[in-house]
Protein backbone atom coordinates (compact mmCIF):
# COMPACT_ATOMS: atom_id res chain seq x y z
CA MET A 1 65.95 0.40 64.40
CA ASN A 2 64.79 1.49 60.94
CA THR A 3 66.55 -1.48 59.35
CA ARG A 4 64.73 -3.89 61.64
CA LEU A 5 61.34 -2.28 60.88
CA TYR A 6 62.13 -2.40 57.16
CA LYS A 7 62.99 -6.12 57.35
CA LEU A 8 59.83 -6.89 59.30
CA SER A 9 57.69 -5.04 56.74
CA ILE A 10 59.27 -7.00 53.93
CA VAL A 11 58.60 -10.31 55.73
CA ALA A 12 54.97 -9.22 56.38
CA PHE A 13 54.56 -8.29 52.68
CA VAL A 14 55.98 -11.67 51.49
CA VAL A 15 53.76 -13.60 53.90
CA ALA A 16 50.68 -11.63 52.83
CA THR A 17 51.51 -12.17 49.14
CA VAL A 18 51.89 -15.95 49.63
CA LEU A 19 48.67 -16.20 51.63
CA PHE A 20 46.74 -14.08 49.15
CA SER A 21 47.95 -15.94 46.07
CA SER A 22 47.18 -19.30 47.69
CA GLY A 23 43.60 -18.23 48.40
CA TYR A 24 43.99 -18.34 52.20
CA GLY A 25 41.10 -16.62 53.90
CA SER A 26 39.16 -16.13 50.66
CA ASN A 27 35.99 -17.93 51.72
CA ASN A 28 36.90 -21.09 49.81
CA GLN A 29 34.95 -23.53 51.99
CA SER A 30 35.24 -27.17 51.16
CA ASN A 31 31.44 -27.47 51.11
CA GLU A 32 30.69 -30.47 48.91
CA ASN A 33 27.30 -29.04 47.94
CA LYS A 34 28.59 -25.62 46.92
CA ASN A 35 27.93 -24.94 43.20
CA ASN A 36 30.97 -24.33 41.00
CA SER A 37 29.54 -22.52 37.99
CA ILE A 38 29.06 -19.15 36.41
CA ASN A 39 26.01 -19.27 34.17
CA GLY A 40 24.81 -22.75 33.50
CA LEU A 41 26.06 -26.17 34.51
CA LYS A 42 26.14 -26.54 38.26
CA LYS A 43 27.91 -29.40 39.96
CA SER A 44 29.27 -29.91 43.45
CA LYS A 45 33.00 -30.30 44.01
CA LYS A 46 32.42 -34.04 44.47
CA GLU A 47 30.51 -34.31 41.14
CA TRP A 48 33.28 -32.41 39.28
CA LYS A 49 35.94 -34.71 40.75
CA ALA A 50 33.94 -37.76 39.63
CA CYS A 51 33.63 -36.63 35.96
CA LEU A 52 37.03 -34.98 35.36
CA SER A 53 40.51 -36.44 35.37
CA PRO A 54 42.75 -35.16 38.20
CA GLU A 55 44.61 -32.88 35.74
CA GLU A 56 41.36 -31.51 34.27
CA TYR A 57 40.02 -30.88 37.76
CA GLN A 58 43.20 -29.07 38.84
CA ILE A 59 43.09 -26.76 35.81
CA LEU A 60 39.36 -26.27 35.20
CA ARG A 61 38.15 -26.10 38.83
CA GLU A 62 41.24 -24.96 40.75
CA LYS A 63 42.60 -22.54 38.15
CA GLY A 64 45.82 -24.41 37.48
CA THR A 65 48.11 -24.06 34.49
CA GLU A 66 49.79 -26.73 32.42
CA MET A 67 53.47 -26.33 31.58
CA ALA A 68 54.19 -24.29 28.46
CA PHE A 69 54.94 -26.16 25.22
CA THR A 70 53.56 -29.47 26.59
CA GLY A 71 49.83 -29.33 25.78
CA LYS A 72 48.33 -31.63 23.14
CA TYR A 73 46.78 -28.73 21.21
CA TYR A 74 49.75 -26.36 21.26
CA LYS A 75 50.92 -27.33 17.74
CA HIS A 76 47.57 -28.83 16.66
CA GLN A 77 46.65 -27.96 13.05
CA GLU A 78 43.39 -29.82 12.23
CA GLN A 79 40.26 -27.96 11.13
CA GLY A 80 37.43 -28.00 13.63
CA VAL A 81 36.13 -26.67 16.92
CA TYR A 82 37.72 -26.59 20.36
CA LYS A 83 35.21 -27.33 23.14
CA CYS A 84 35.31 -27.08 26.91
CA SER A 85 36.52 -30.41 28.37
CA GLY A 86 34.27 -29.84 31.36
CA CYS A 87 30.93 -29.35 29.65
CA GLY A 88 31.30 -29.57 25.86
CA THR A 89 30.53 -25.88 25.11
CA GLU A 90 32.00 -24.84 21.78
CA LEU A 91 34.62 -22.21 22.58
CA PHE A 92 37.07 -21.59 19.73
CA SER A 93 37.37 -22.33 16.01
CA SER A 94 40.57 -23.57 14.39
CA GLU A 95 40.12 -20.65 12.00
CA THR A 96 41.13 -18.23 14.78
CA LYS A 97 43.98 -20.34 16.19
CA TYR A 98 47.52 -19.13 15.68
CA ASP A 99 51.05 -19.72 17.01
CA SER A 100 51.72 -16.96 19.52
CA GLY A 101 55.02 -18.51 20.64
CA SER A 102 53.67 -18.52 24.21
CA GLY A 103 53.65 -22.31 24.61
CA TRP A 104 49.84 -22.61 24.85
CA PRO A 105 47.13 -22.85 22.20
CA SER A 106 46.24 -19.26 21.26
CA PHE A 107 43.19 -17.84 19.53
CA TRP A 108 42.39 -14.29 18.47
CA LYS A 109 38.68 -14.59 19.28
CA PRO A 110 36.14 -17.02 20.77
CA ILE A 111 33.61 -18.78 18.56
CA ALA A 112 30.98 -16.38 20.03
CA ASN A 113 31.41 -13.66 22.69
CA ASP A 114 28.87 -15.25 25.03
CA LYS A 115 30.78 -18.57 25.14
CA VAL A 116 33.78 -17.21 27.07
CA SER A 117 33.55 -14.93 30.10
CA SER A 118 36.32 -13.07 31.85
CA LYS A 119 37.23 -11.69 35.24
CA THR A 120 40.16 -9.96 36.86
CA ASP A 121 42.79 -12.34 38.21
CA MET A 122 45.19 -10.84 40.79
CA SER A 123 46.98 -14.09 41.69
CA LEU A 124 50.78 -14.42 41.57
CA SER A 125 51.19 -10.73 42.41
CA MET A 126 50.09 -9.53 38.98
CA VAL A 127 46.88 -8.36 37.35
CA ARG A 128 45.63 -10.44 34.42
CA THR A 129 42.30 -11.23 32.82
CA GLU A 130 41.20 -14.82 33.41
CA ILE A 131 38.98 -16.51 30.82
CA LEU A 132 36.32 -19.00 31.81
CA CYS A 133 33.84 -21.24 30.00
CA SER A 134 30.45 -19.53 30.21
CA GLY A 135 28.77 -22.92 30.24
CA CYS A 136 30.34 -24.37 33.40
CA GLY A 137 32.66 -21.70 34.80
CA GLY A 138 35.77 -23.78 34.09
CA HIS A 139 39.13 -21.99 34.04
CA LEU A 140 40.49 -21.87 30.50
CA GLY A 141 43.49 -19.58 30.77
CA HIS A 142 44.00 -15.84 30.28
CA VAL A 143 43.45 -13.21 27.60
CA PHE A 144 46.00 -10.53 26.65
CA ASN A 145 45.82 -7.53 24.35
CA ASP A 146 48.92 -8.42 22.33
CA GLY A 147 47.32 -10.63 19.68
CA PRO A 148 47.06 -10.27 15.94
CA LYS A 149 44.52 -8.27 13.94
CA PRO A 150 41.62 -7.97 13.62
CA THR A 151 40.97 -8.19 17.38
CA GLY A 152 44.43 -7.62 18.86
CA MET A 153 43.57 -10.23 21.50
CA ARG A 154 45.42 -13.41 22.50
CA TYR A 155 43.24 -15.99 24.23
CA CYS A 156 45.92 -18.18 25.80
CA VAL A 157 44.28 -21.51 26.72
CA ASN A 158 45.35 -24.64 28.58
CA SER A 159 45.06 -27.71 26.30
CA VAL A 160 43.67 -29.69 29.21
CA SER A 161 40.69 -27.31 29.26
CA LEU A 162 39.85 -28.23 25.67
CA GLU A 163 38.51 -31.12 23.60
CA PHE A 164 38.74 -31.01 19.85
CA GLU A 165 36.04 -31.95 17.34
CA ALA A 166 37.34 -32.30 13.79
CA ARG A 167 35.28 -30.80 11.00
CA ASN A 168 36.19 -32.08 7.56
CA PRO A 169 36.44 -29.00 5.28
CA LYS A 170 35.60 -31.21 2.25
CA PHE A 171 32.05 -31.66 3.58
CA SER A 172 29.26 -29.21 4.29
CA LYS A 173 27.47 -29.12 7.68
CA GLN A 174 24.85 -31.43 6.22
CA GLY A 175 27.52 -34.03 5.31
CA GLU A 176 27.31 -33.41 1.56
CA GLN A 177 30.58 -33.29 -0.34
CA LYS A 178 31.46 -29.79 -1.55
CA GLU A 179 32.06 -29.25 -5.23
CA ASN A 180 35.58 -28.71 -6.69
CA GLU A 181 37.25 -30.80 -4.00
């Protein structure tokens, strides 16, 4: 009798875990007019689908993850700024990018603290800290406290969530060539 009760409790736990991690019952209505944003840019689900590629939509709006070691910015080395591919908000500088060995572009800090927001993510039966674009609420990835100094943080970001804008280090912000170069 105890074995049967034990097996039933395990089955119930597994079913609950699958339903919870899939978002079942979490008030995710498919209301086309529902806003999908945190602080600024507000668009309906239909509007987001119209302006993003299917892969961008799946990651930015549905909190997906690209496969490790496959993203276009994983080994990217150019100087410049990484922006949100959903709204263009500047998020990270190439000066804070480093190779964490995780398979995703990693940064030790955002370009400014108010550009990236965070919230607790309890999906996949673990507790992590999700990072989102403060401009549009798009899912970027997760942040961990195992990064390099000076912050000790690792902002692990999906390449699909990013666009890159090159900044030529030989030129100043006004477009004038710097001396000694």
